[in-house]
Amino acid sequence: MQRFAAVIRLRPEKESEYRRLHAAAWPGVLDTLRRAHIGNYSIFLRDGLLFSYLEYSGSDYAADTARIAADPVTREWWTLTDPCQQPLDTAAPDERWAPAEEVFHLD
């Protein structure tokens, strides 16, 4: 199992919309994540920053995340969630969520 974390800003004027969307996350999006071997997925909010954590149990993360990105239901979901987010200034040009480095872990 691999752990992944990432960070992105939440646009302050979109916080209530973002919370509403995630309070009723679409079953098709959740199913796609599960089929891609993603579990124990959480998104936290603090001071305008969204922090995501997930665990990946598959064998080809790049292929599984490409399948997520190709899923029509997930793509539609992103048309609603992406406008709520603002990539960090330090994110690479092709990154939305900026990966966070794990510096400590306790099992």
PDB file of N, CA and C in Angstrom:
ATOM      1  N   MET A   1       0.831  -1.170   0.000  1.00  0.00           N
ATOM      2  CA  MET A   1       0.000   0.000   0.000  1.00  0.00           C
ATOM      3  C   MET A   1       0.882   1.242   0.000  1.00  0.00           C
ATOM      4  N   GLN A   2       0.507   2.216  -0.815  1.00  0.00           N
ATOM      5  CA  GLN A   2       1.228   3.487  -0.885  1.00  0.00           C
ATOM      6  C   GLN A   2       0.315   4.595  -0.372  1.00  0.00           C
ATOM      7  N   ARG A   3       0.915   5.575   0.281  1.00  0.00           N
ATOM      8  CA  ARG A   3       0.171   6.731   0.780  1.00  0.00           C
ATOM      9  C   ARG A   3       0.509   7.940  -0.081  1.00  0.00           C
ATOM     10  N   PHE A   4      -0.514   8.738  -0.374  1.00  0.00           N
ATOM     11  CA  PHE A   4      -0.325   9.955  -1.156  1.00  0.00           C
ATOM     12  C   PHE A   4      -1.033  11.103  -0.452  1.00  0.00           C
ATOM     13  N   ALA A   5      -0.410  12.262  -0.470  1.00  0.00           N
ATOM     14  CA  ALA A   5      -1.012  13.473   0.078  1.00  0.00           C
ATOM     15  C   ALA A   5      -0.771  14.603  -0.909  1.00  0.00           C
ATOM     16  N   ALA A   6      -1.694  15.560  -0.922  1.00  0.00           N
ATOM     17  CA  ALA A   6      -1.566  16.699  -1.826  1.00  0.00           C
ATOM     18  C   ALA A   6      -2.310  17.895  -1.228  1.00  0.00           C
ATOM     19  N   VAL A   7      -1.959  19.079  -1.732  1.00  0.00           N
ATOM     20  CA  VAL A   7      -2.506  20.331  -1.207  1.00  0.00           C
ATOM     21  C   VAL A   7      -2.964  21.215  -2.359  1.00  0.00           C
ATOM     22  N   ILE A   8      -4.039  21.960  -2.105  1.00  0.00           N
ATOM     23  CA  ILE A   8      -4.533  22.966  -3.048  1.00  0.00           C
ATOM     24  C   ILE A   8      -5.284  24.012  -2.230  1.00  0.00           C
ATOM     25  N   ARG A   9      -5.415  25.207  -2.738  1.00  0.00           N
ATOM     26  CA  ARG A   9      -6.190  26.244  -2.042  1.00  0.00           C
ATOM     27  C   ARG A   9      -7.676  26.084  -2.356  1.00  0.00           C
ATOM     28  N   LEU A  10      -8.494  26.444  -1.388  1.00  0.00           N
ATOM     29  CA  LEU A  10      -9.933  26.515  -1.587  1.00  0.00           C
ATOM     30  C   LEU A  10     -10.305  27.990  -1.724  1.00  0.00           C
ATOM     31  N   ARG A  11     -10.976  28.326  -2.804  1.00  0.00           N
ATOM     32  CA  ARG A  11     -11.403  29.713  -2.974  1.00  0.00           C
ATOM     33  C   ARG A  11     -12.429  30.034  -1.878  1.00  0.00           C
ATOM     34  N   PRO A  12     -12.185  31.081  -1.088  1.00  0.00           N
ATOM     35  CA  PRO A  12     -13.046  31.352   0.068  1.00  0.00           C
ATOM     36  C   PRO A  12     -14.523  31.494  -0.295  1.00  0.00           C
ATOM     37  N   GLU A  13     -14.798  32.115  -1.424  1.00  0.00           N
ATOM     38  CA  GLU A  13     -16.186  32.325  -1.828  1.00  0.00           C
ATOM     39  C   GLU A  13     -16.869  31.030  -2.290  1.00  0.00           C
ATOM     40  N   LYS A  14     -16.091  29.953  -2.445  1.00  0.00           N
ATOM     41  CA  LYS A  14     -16.625  28.664  -2.908  1.00  0.00           C
ATOM     42  C   LYS A  14     -16.683  27.607  -1.798  1.00  0.00           C
ATOM     43  N   GLU A  15     -16.329  27.997  -0.556  1.00  0.00           N
ATOM     44  CA  GLU A  15     -16.268  27.000   0.507  1.00  0.00           C
ATOM     45  C   GLU A  15     -17.591  26.293   0.733  1.00  0.00           C
ATOM     46  N   SER A  16     -18.686  27.024   0.816  1.00  0.00           N
ATOM     47  CA  SER A  16     -19.968  26.363   1.089  1.00  0.00           C
ATOM     48  C   SER A  16     -20.363  25.434  -0.057  1.00  0.00           C
ATOM     49  N   GLU A  17     -20.082  25.826  -1.289  1.00  0.00           N
ATOM     50  CA  GLU A  17     -20.376  24.963  -2.437  1.00  0.00           C
ATOM     51  C   GLU A  17     -19.528  23.692  -2.402  1.00  0.00           C
ATOM     52  N   TYR A  18     -18.256  23.838  -2.092  1.00  0.00           N
ATOM     53  CA  TYR A  18     -17.349  22.687  -2.024  1.00  0.00           C
ATOM     54  C   TYR A  18     -17.782  21.716  -0.928  1.00  0.00           C
ATOM     55  N   ARG A  19     -18.151  22.259   0.220  1.00  0.00           N
ATOM     56  CA  ARG A  19     -18.635  21.413   1.315  1.00  0.00           C
ATOM     57  C   ARG A  19     -19.922  20.693   0.909  1.00  0.00           C
ATOM     58  N   ARG A  20     -20.834  21.408   0.267  1.00  0.00           N
ATOM     59  CA  ARG A  20     -22.103  20.816  -0.175  1.00  0.00           C
ATOM     60  C   ARG A  20     -21.848  19.678  -1.157  1.00  0.00           C
ATOM     61  N   LEU A  21     -20.977  19.884  -2.112  1.00  0.00           N
ATOM     62  CA  LEU A  21     -20.664  18.845  -3.093  1.00  0.00           C
ATOM     63  C   LEU A  21     -20.114  17.597  -2.407  1.00  0.00           C
ATOM     64  N   HIS A  22     -19.198  17.777  -1.494  1.00  0.00           N
ATOM     65  CA  HIS A  22     -18.562  16.621  -0.861  1.00  0.00           C
ATOM     66  C   HIS A  22     -19.440  15.962   0.198  1.00  0.00           C
ATOM     67  N   ALA A  23     -20.417  16.673   0.705  1.00  0.00           N
ATOM     68  CA  ALA A  23     -21.369  16.060   1.639  1.00  0.00           C
ATOM     69  C   ALA A  23     -22.262  15.054   0.912  1.00  0.00           C
ATOM     70  N   ALA A  24     -22.354  15.201  -0.404  1.00  0.00           N
ATOM     71  CA  ALA A  24     -23.166  14.290  -1.221  1.00  0.00           C
ATOM     72  C   ALA A  24     -22.363  13.872  -2.451  1.00  0.00           C
ATOM     73  N   ALA A  25     -21.150  13.390  -2.217  1.00  0.00           N
ATOM     74  CA  ALA A  25     -20.276  12.976  -3.328  1.00  0.00           C
ATOM     75  C   ALA A  25     -20.999  11.952  -4.199  1.00  0.00           C
ATOM     76  N   TRP A  26     -20.821  12.082  -5.483  1.00  0.00           N
ATOM     77  CA  TRP A  26     -21.532  11.230  -6.431  1.00  0.00           C
ATOM     78  C   TRP A  26     -21.063   9.780  -6.320  1.00  0.00           C
ATOM     79  N   PRO A  27     -22.005   8.838  -6.259  1.00  0.00           N
ATOM     80  CA  PRO A  27     -21.640   7.416  -6.184  1.00  0.00           C
ATOM     81  C   PRO A  27     -20.747   6.964  -7.335  1.00  0.00           C
ATOM     82  N   GLY A  28     -20.969   7.474  -8.540  1.00  0.00           N
ATOM     83  CA  GLY A  28     -20.140   7.082  -9.678  1.00  0.00           C
ATOM     84  C   GLY A  28     -18.693   7.492  -9.517  1.00  0.00           C
ATOM     85  N   VAL A  29     -18.465   8.655  -8.916  1.00  0.00           N
ATOM     86  CA  VAL A  29     -17.097   9.123  -8.653  1.00  0.00           C
ATOM     87  C   VAL A  29     -16.447   8.220  -7.606  1.00  0.00           C
ATOM     88  N   LEU A  30     -17.186   7.915  -6.558  1.00  0.00           N
ATOM     89  CA  LEU A  30     -16.658   7.062  -5.494  1.00  0.00           C
ATOM     90  C   LEU A  30     -16.353   5.660  -6.011  1.00  0.00           C
ATOM     91  N   ASP A  31     -17.225   5.129  -6.852  1.00  0.00           N
ATOM     92  CA  ASP A  31     -16.988   3.802  -7.439  1.00  0.00           C
ATOM     93  C   ASP A  31     -15.736   3.797  -8.308  1.00  0.00           C
ATOM     94  N   THR A  32     -15.547   4.851  -9.077  1.00  0.00           N
ATOM     95  CA  THR A  32     -14.354   4.954  -9.927  1.00  0.00           C
ATOM     96  C   THR A  32     -13.087   4.969  -9.079  1.00  0.00           C
ATOM     97  N   LEU A  33     -13.109   5.701  -7.984  1.00  0.00           N
ATOM     98  CA  LEU A  33     -11.948   5.729  -7.086  1.00  0.00           C
ATOM     99  C   LEU A  33     -11.672   4.341  -6.511  1.00  0.00           C
ATOM    100  N   ARG A  34     -12.715   3.668  -6.083  1.00  0.00           N
ATOM    101  CA  ARG A  34     -12.522   2.322  -5.520  1.00  0.00           C
ATOM    102  C   ARG A  34     -11.974   1.353  -6.566  1.00  0.00           C
ATOM    103  N   ARG A  35     -12.506   1.422  -7.781  1.00  0.00           N
ATOM    104  CA  ARG A  35     -12.012   0.542  -8.858  1.00  0.00           C
ATOM    105  C   ARG A  35     -10.551   0.836  -9.191  1.00  0.00           C
ATOM    106  N   ALA A  36     -10.111   2.045  -8.895  1.00  0.00           N
ATOM    107  CA  ALA A  36      -8.714   2.435  -9.133  1.00  0.00           C
ATOM    108  C   ALA A  36      -7.838   2.120  -7.926  1.00  0.00           C
ATOM    109  N   HIS A  37      -8.361   1.316  -7.007  1.00  0.00           N
ATOM    110  CA  HIS A  37      -7.582   0.856  -5.846  1.00  0.00           C
ATOM    111  C   HIS A  37      -7.265   1.972  -4.860  1.00  0.00           C
ATOM    112  N   ILE A  38      -8.129   2.974  -4.787  1.00  0.00           N
ATOM    113  CA  ILE A  38      -7.941   4.079  -3.856  1.00  0.00           C
ATOM    114  C   ILE A  38      -8.916   3.904  -2.698  1.00  0.00           C
ATOM    115  N   GLY A  39      -8.383   3.990  -1.492  1.00  0.00           N
ATOM    116  CA  GLY A  39      -9.196   3.878  -0.292  1.00  0.00           C
ATOM    117  C   GLY A  39      -8.670   4.794   0.791  1.00  0.00           C
ATOM    118  N   ASN A  40      -9.366   4.782   1.907  1.00  0.00           N
ATOM    119  CA  ASN A  40      -9.004   5.626   3.043  1.00  0.00           C
ATOM    120  C   ASN A  40      -8.665   7.039   2.563  1.00  0.00           C
ATOM    121  N   TYR A  41      -9.566   7.597   1.756  1.00  0.00           N
ATOM    122  CA  TYR A  41      -9.367   8.892   1.117  1.00  0.00           C
ATOM    123  C   TYR A  41     -10.075   9.963   1.933  1.00  0.00           C
ATOM    124  N   SER A  42      -9.334  10.967   2.334  1.00  0.00           N
ATOM    125  CA  SER A  42      -9.886  12.077   3.101  1.00  0.00           C
ATOM    126  C   SER A  42      -9.400  13.395   2.521  1.00  0.00           C
ATOM    127  N   ILE A  43     -10.233  14.421   2.679  1.00  0.00           N
ATOM    128  CA  ILE A  43      -9.837  15.791   2.360  1.00  0.00           C
ATOM    129  C   ILE A  43     -10.098  16.624   3.611  1.00  0.00           C
ATOM    130  N   PHE A  44      -9.071  17.349   4.050  1.00  0.00           N
ATOM    131  CA  PHE A  44      -9.155  18.198   5.234  1.00  0.00           C
ATOM    132  C   PHE A  44      -9.050  19.656   4.801  1.00  0.00           C
ATOM    133  N   LEU A  45      -9.613  20.548   5.593  1.00  0.00           N
ATOM    134  CA  LEU A  45      -9.553  21.985   5.311  1.00  0.00           C
ATOM    135  C   LEU A  45      -9.012  22.719   6.524  1.00  0.00           C
ATOM    136  N   ARG A  46      -8.043  23.605   6.274  1.00  0.00           N
ATOM    137  CA  ARG A  46      -7.501  24.461   7.328  1.00  0.00           C
ATOM    138  C   ARG A  46      -6.984  25.750   6.694  1.00  0.00           C
ATOM    139  N   ASP A  47      -7.477  26.870   7.193  1.00  0.00           N
ATOM    140  CA  ASP A  47      -6.985  28.185   6.762  1.00  0.00           C
ATOM    141  C   ASP A  47      -6.944  28.324   5.240  1.00  0.00           C
ATOM    142  N   GLY A  48      -7.969  27.855   4.579  1.00  0.00           N
ATOM    143  CA  GLY A  48      -8.056  28.000   3.135  1.00  0.00           C
ATOM    144  C   GLY A  48      -7.282  26.977   2.330  1.00  0.00           C
ATOM    145  N   LEU A  49      -6.630  26.035   2.999  1.00  0.00           N
ATOM    146  CA  LEU A  49      -5.890  24.981   2.300  1.00  0.00           C
ATOM    147  C   LEU A  49      -6.633  23.660   2.424  1.00  0.00           C
ATOM    148  N   LEU A  50      -6.799  22.991   1.300  1.00  0.00           N
ATOM    149  CA  LEU A  50      -7.331  21.637   1.283  1.00  0.00           C
ATOM    150  C   LEU A  50      -6.152  20.674   1.267  1.00  0.00           C
ATOM    151  N   PHE A  51      -6.199  19.691   2.146  1.00  0.00           N
ATOM    152  CA  PHE A  51      -5.153  18.673   2.243  1.00  0.00           C
ATOM    153  C   PHE A  51      -5.817  17.331   2.007  1.00  0.00           C
ATOM    154  N   SER A  52      -5.357  16.604   1.003  1.00  0.00           N
ATOM    155  CA  SER A  52      -5.933  15.286   0.720  1.00  0.00           C
ATOM    156  C   SER A  52      -4.949  14.197   1.109  1.00  0.00           C
ATOM    157  N   TYR A  53      -5.515  13.097   1.567  1.00  0.00           N
ATOM    158  CA  TYR A  53      -4.727  11.912   1.917  1.00  0.00           C
ATOM    159  C   TYR A  53      -5.463  10.709   1.364  1.00  0.00           C
ATOM    160  N   LEU A  54      -4.718   9.806   0.722  1.00  0.00           N
ATOM    161  CA  LEU A  54      -5.328   8.575   0.220  1.00  0.00           C
ATOM    162  C   LEU A  54      -4.325   7.442   0.292  1.00  0.00           C
ATOM    163  N   GLU A  55      -4.875   6.248   0.263  1.00  0.00           N
ATOM    164  CA  GLU A  55      -4.045   5.052   0.240  1.00  0.00           C
ATOM    165  C   GLU A  55      -4.342   4.300  -1.049  1.00  0.00           C
ATOM    166  N   TYR A  56      -3.273   3.884  -1.714  1.00  0.00           N
ATOM    167  CA  TYR A  56      -3.365   3.201  -3.005  1.00  0.00           C
ATOM    168  C   TYR A  56      -2.880   1.764  -2.840  1.00  0.00           C
ATOM    169  N   SER A  57      -3.724   0.815  -3.238  1.00  0.00           N
ATOM    170  CA  SER A  57      -3.375  -0.601  -3.054  1.00  0.00           C
ATOM    171  C   SER A  57      -3.153  -1.336  -4.372  1.00  0.00           C
ATOM    172  N   GLY A  58      -3.143  -0.625  -5.478  1.00  0.00           N
ATOM    173  CA  GLY A  58      -2.923  -1.264  -6.772  1.00  0.00           C
ATOM    174  C   GLY A  58      -1.447  -1.414  -7.099  1.00  0.00           C
ATOM    175  N   SER A  59      -1.184  -1.748  -8.374  1.00  0.00           N
ATOM    176  CA  SER A  59       0.205  -1.965  -8.793  1.00  0.00           C
ATOM    177  C   SER A  59       0.672  -0.978  -9.862  1.00  0.00           C
ATOM    178  N   ASP A  60      -0.231  -0.147 -10.400  1.00  0.00           N
ATOM    179  CA  ASP A  60       0.145   0.808 -11.444  1.00  0.00           C
ATOM    180  C   ASP A  60      -0.629   2.108 -11.216  1.00  0.00           C
ATOM    181  N   TYR A  61      -0.092   2.947 -10.344  1.00  0.00           N
ATOM    182  CA  TYR A  61      -0.761   4.189  -9.961  1.00  0.00           C
ATOM    183  C   TYR A  61      -1.011   5.094 -11.167  1.00  0.00           C
ATOM    184  N   ALA A  62      -0.038   5.211 -12.044  1.00  0.00           N
ATOM    185  CA  ALA A  62      -0.194   6.080 -13.215  1.00  0.00           C
ATOM    186  C   ALA A  62      -1.359   5.612 -14.091  1.00  0.00           C
ATOM    187  N   ALA A  63      -1.454   4.311 -14.333  1.00  0.00           N
ATOM    188  CA  ALA A  63      -2.546   3.785 -15.166  1.00  0.00           C
ATOM    189  C   ALA A  63      -3.892   3.961 -14.467  1.00  0.00           C
ATOM    190  N   ASP A  64      -3.929   3.702 -13.170  1.00  0.00           N
ATOM    191  CA  ASP A  64      -5.192   3.841 -12.451  1.00  0.00           C
ATOM    192  C   ASP A  64      -5.652   5.289 -12.389  1.00  0.00           C
ATOM    193  N   THR A  65      -4.744   6.221 -12.165  1.00  0.00           N
ATOM    194  CA  THR A  65      -5.149   7.623 -12.135  1.00  0.00           C
ATOM    195  C   THR A  65      -5.520   8.123 -13.539  1.00  0.00           C
ATOM    196  N   ALA A  66      -4.922   7.560 -14.572  1.00  0.00           N
ATOM    197  CA  ALA A  66      -5.319   7.911 -15.943  1.00  0.00           C
ATOM    198  C   ALA A  66      -6.744   7.436 -16.216  1.00  0.00           C
ATOM    199  N   ARG A  67      -7.107   6.273 -15.702  1.00  0.00           N
ATOM    200  CA  ARG A  67      -8.485   5.786 -15.865  1.00  0.00           C
ATOM    201  C   ARG A  67      -9.474   6.680 -15.122  1.00  0.00           C
ATOM    202  N   ILE A  68      -9.077   7.159 -13.946  1.00  0.00           N
ATOM    203  CA  ILE A  68      -9.939   8.096 -13.222  1.00  0.00           C
ATOM    204  C   ILE A  68     -10.151   9.343 -14.070  1.00  0.00           C
ATOM    205  N   ALA A  69      -9.070   9.885 -14.612  1.00  0.00           N
ATOM    206  CA  ALA A  69      -9.139  11.112 -15.407  1.00  0.00           C
ATOM    207  C   ALA A  69      -9.952  10.934 -16.685  1.00  0.00           C
ATOM    208  N   ALA A  70     -10.050   9.720 -17.189  1.00  0.00           N
ATOM    209  CA  ALA A  70     -10.806   9.449 -18.419  1.00  0.00           C
ATOM    210  C   ALA A  70     -12.284   9.155 -18.143  1.00  0.00           C
ATOM    211  N   ASP A  71     -12.640   8.930 -16.896  1.00  0.00           N
ATOM    212  CA  ASP A  71     -14.018   8.576 -16.550  1.00  0.00           C
ATOM    213  C   ASP A  71     -14.953   9.768 -16.765  1.00  0.00           C
ATOM    214  N   PRO A  72     -16.010   9.610 -17.564  1.00  0.00           N
ATOM    215  CA  PRO A  72     -16.904  10.743 -17.856  1.00  0.00           C
ATOM    216  C   PRO A  72     -17.602  11.314 -16.624  1.00  0.00           C
ATOM    217  N   VAL A  73     -18.011  10.475 -15.690  1.00  0.00           N
ATOM    218  CA  VAL A  73     -18.687  10.974 -14.484  1.00  0.00           C
ATOM    219  C   VAL A  73     -17.715  11.790 -13.634  1.00  0.00           C
ATOM    220  N   THR A  74     -16.494  11.297 -13.486  1.00  0.00           N
ATOM    221  CA  THR A  74     -15.485  12.033 -12.725  1.00  0.00           C
ATOM    222  C   THR A  74     -15.156  13.356 -13.399  1.00  0.00           C
ATOM    223  N   ARG A  75     -15.064  13.340 -14.709  1.00  0.00           N
ATOM    224  CA  ARG A  75     -14.774  14.581 -15.448  1.00  0.00           C
ATOM    225  C   ARG A  75     -15.886  15.610 -15.234  1.00  0.00           C
ATOM    226  N   GLU A  76     -17.126  15.149 -15.211  1.00  0.00           N
ATOM    227  CA  GLU A  76     -18.250  16.057 -14.945  1.00  0.00           C
ATOM    228  C   GLU A  76     -18.175  16.600 -13.510  1.00  0.00           C
ATOM    229  N   TRP A  77     -17.836  15.729 -12.550  1.00  0.00           N
ATOM    230  CA  TRP A  77     -17.662  16.139 -11.163  1.00  0.00           C
ATOM    231  C   TRP A  77     -16.604  17.242 -11.061  1.00  0.00           C
ATOM    232  N   TRP A  78     -15.511  17.060 -11.783  1.00  0.00           N
ATOM    233  CA  TRP A  78     -14.441  18.050 -11.751  1.00  0.00           C
ATOM    234  C   TRP A  78     -14.875  19.399 -12.311  1.00  0.00           C
ATOM    235  N   THR A  79     -15.852  19.419 -13.229  1.00  0.00           N
ATOM    236  CA  THR A  79     -16.339  20.716 -13.729  1.00  0.00           C
ATOM    237  C   THR A  79     -17.005  21.510 -12.611  1.00  0.00           C
ATOM    238  N   LEU A  80     -17.454  20.822 -11.563  1.00  0.00           N
ATOM    239  CA  LEU A  80     -18.058  21.494 -10.408  1.00  0.00           C
ATOM    240  C   LEU A  80     -17.043  21.805  -9.319  1.00  0.00           C
ATOM    241  N   THR A  81     -16.100  20.882  -9.086  1.00  0.00           N
ATOM    242  CA  THR A  81     -15.146  21.075  -7.987  1.00  0.00           C
ATOM    243  C   THR A  81     -13.936  21.935  -8.376  1.00  0.00           C
ATOM    244  N   ASP A  82     -13.473  21.812  -9.605  1.00  0.00           N
ATOM    245  CA  ASP A  82     -12.272  22.562 -10.007  1.00  0.00           C
ATOM    246  C   ASP A  82     -12.413  24.073  -9.836  1.00  0.00           C
ATOM    247  N   PRO A  83     -13.556  24.680 -10.174  1.00  0.00           N
ATOM    248  CA  PRO A  83     -13.665  26.134  -9.983  1.00  0.00           C
ATOM    249  C   PRO A  83     -13.596  26.565  -8.515  1.00  0.00           C
ATOM    250  N   CYS A  84     -13.763  25.634  -7.598  1.00  0.00           N
ATOM    251  CA  CYS A  84     -13.675  25.934  -6.167  1.00  0.00           C
ATOM    252  C   CYS A  84     -12.228  25.982  -5.691  1.00  0.00           C
ATOM    253  N   GLN A  85     -11.332  25.479  -6.495  1.00  0.00           N
ATOM    254  CA  GLN A  85      -9.944  25.301  -6.085  1.00  0.00           C
ATOM    255  C   GLN A  85      -9.011  26.244  -6.836  1.00  0.00           C
ATOM    256  N   GLN A  86      -7.892  26.537  -6.192  1.00  0.00           N
ATOM    257  CA  GLN A  86      -6.844  27.345  -6.813  1.00  0.00           C
ATOM    258  C   GLN A  86      -5.506  26.678  -6.525  1.00  0.00           C
ATOM    259  N   PRO A  87      -4.807  26.213  -7.562  1.00  0.00           N
ATOM    260  CA  PRO A  87      -3.504  25.575  -7.336  1.00  0.00           C
ATOM    261  C   PRO A  87      -2.540  26.507  -6.600  1.00  0.00           C
ATOM    262  N   LEU A  88      -1.655  25.913  -5.839  1.00  0.00           N
ATOM    263  CA  LEU A  88      -0.631  26.691  -5.141  1.00  0.00           C
ATOM    264  C   LEU A  88       0.299  27.363  -6.148  1.00  0.00           C
ATOM    265  N   ASP A  89       0.869  28.465  -5.748  1.00  0.00           N
ATOM    266  CA  ASP A  89       1.829  29.159  -6.617  1.00  0.00           C
ATOM    267  C   ASP A  89       3.016  28.271  -6.963  1.00  0.00           C
ATOM    268  N   THR A  90       3.354  27.336  -6.076  1.00  0.00           N
ATOM    269  CA  THR A  90       4.504  26.456  -6.281  1.00  0.00           C
ATOM    270  C   THR A  90       4.159  25.192  -7.071  1.00  0.00           C
ATOM    271  N   ALA A  91       2.899  25.022  -7.447  1.00  0.00           N
ATOM    272  CA  ALA A  91       2.509  23.841  -8.224  1.00  0.00           C
ATOM    273  C   ALA A  91       3.121  23.918  -9.620  1.00  0.00           C
ATOM    274  N   ALA A  92       3.446  22.765 -10.163  1.00  0.00           N
ATOM    275  CA  ALA A  92       3.955  22.712 -11.531  1.00  0.00           C
ATOM    276  C   ALA A  92       2.840  23.140 -12.487  1.00  0.00           C
ATOM    277  N   PRO A  93       3.195  23.581 -13.699  1.00  0.00           N
ATOM    278  CA  PRO A  93       2.182  24.064 -14.635  1.00  0.00           C
ATOM    279  C   PRO A  93       1.045  23.069 -14.914  1.00  0.00           C
ATOM    280  N   ASP A  94       1.327  21.776 -14.880  1.00  0.00           N
ATOM    281  CA  ASP A  94       0.302  20.775 -15.182  1.00  0.00           C
ATOM    282  C   ASP A  94      -0.336  20.184 -13.916  1.00  0.00           C
ATOM    283  N   GLU A  95      -0.028  20.733 -12.744  1.00  0.00           N
ATOM    284  CA  GLU A  95      -0.569  20.223 -11.480  1.00  0.00           C
ATOM    285  C   GLU A  95      -1.729  21.083 -10.998  1.00  0.00           C
ATOM    286  N   ARG A  96      -2.751  20.407 -10.490  1.00  0.00           N
ATOM    287  CA  ARG A  96      -3.779  21.101  -9.725  1.00  0.00           C
ATOM    288  C   ARG A  96      -3.439  20.899  -8.249  1.00  0.00           C
ATOM    289  N   TRP A  97      -3.621  19.685  -7.775  1.00  0.00           N
ATOM    290  CA  TRP A  97      -3.239  19.342  -6.408  1.00  0.00           C
ATOM    291  C   TRP A  97      -1.726  19.123  -6.392  1.00  0.00           C
ATOM    292  N   ALA A  98      -1.028  19.860  -5.544  1.00  0.00           N
ATOM    293  CA  ALA A  98       0.433  19.727  -5.449  1.00  0.00           C
ATOM    294  C   ALA A  98       0.775  18.598  -4.481  1.00  0.00           C
ATOM    295  N   PRO A  99       1.578  17.635  -4.912  1.00  0.00           N
ATOM    296  CA  PRO A  99       1.945  16.529  -4.030  1.00  0.00           C
ATOM    297  C   PRO A  99       2.687  17.032  -2.792  1.00  0.00           C
ATOM    298  N   ALA A 100       2.411  16.382  -1.669  1.00  0.00           N
ATOM    299  CA  ALA A 100       3.103  16.689  -0.418  1.00  0.00           C
ATOM    300  C   ALA A 100       4.048  15.541  -0.098  1.00  0.00           C
ATOM    301  N   GLU A 101       5.206  15.878   0.396  1.00  0.00           N
ATOM    302  CA  GLU A 101       6.220  14.870   0.741  1.00  0.00           C
ATOM    303  C   GLU A 101       5.947  14.316   2.137  1.00  0.00           C
ATOM    304  N   GLU A 102       5.976  13.009   2.256  1.00  0.00           N
ATOM    305  CA  GLU A 102       5.842  12.380   3.567  1.00  0.00           C
ATOM    306  C   GLU A 102       7.178  12.488   4.287  1.00  0.00           C
ATOM    307  N   VAL A 103       7.163  13.104   5.463  1.00  0.00           N
ATOM    308  CA  VAL A 103       8.390  13.243   6.236  1.00  0.00           C
ATOM    309  C   VAL A 103       8.368  12.393   7.509  1.00  0.00           C
ATOM    310  N   PHE A 104       7.213  11.819   7.836  1.00  0.00           N
ATOM    311  CA  PHE A 104       7.110  10.954   9.000  1.00  0.00           C
ATOM    312  C   PHE A 104       5.898  10.053   8.850  1.00  0.00           C
ATOM    313  N   HIS A 105       6.031   8.821   9.347  1.00  0.00           N
ATOM    314  CA  HIS A 105       4.894   7.896   9.361  1.00  0.00           C
ATOM    315  C   HIS A 105       5.075   6.938  10.528  1.00  0.00           C
ATOM    316  N   LEU A 106       3.987   6.665  11.226  1.00  0.00           N
ATOM    317  CA  LEU A 106       3.971   5.688  12.315  1.00  0.00           C
ATOM    318  C   LEU A 106       2.877   4.682  12.023  1.00  0.00           C
ATOM    319  N   ASP A 107       3.234   3.395  11.947  1.00  0.00           N
ATOM    320  CA  ASP A 107       2.231   2.332  11.782  1.00  0.00           C
ATOM    321  C   ASP A 107       1.731   1.922  13.135  1.00  0.00           C
TER     322      ASP A 107
END
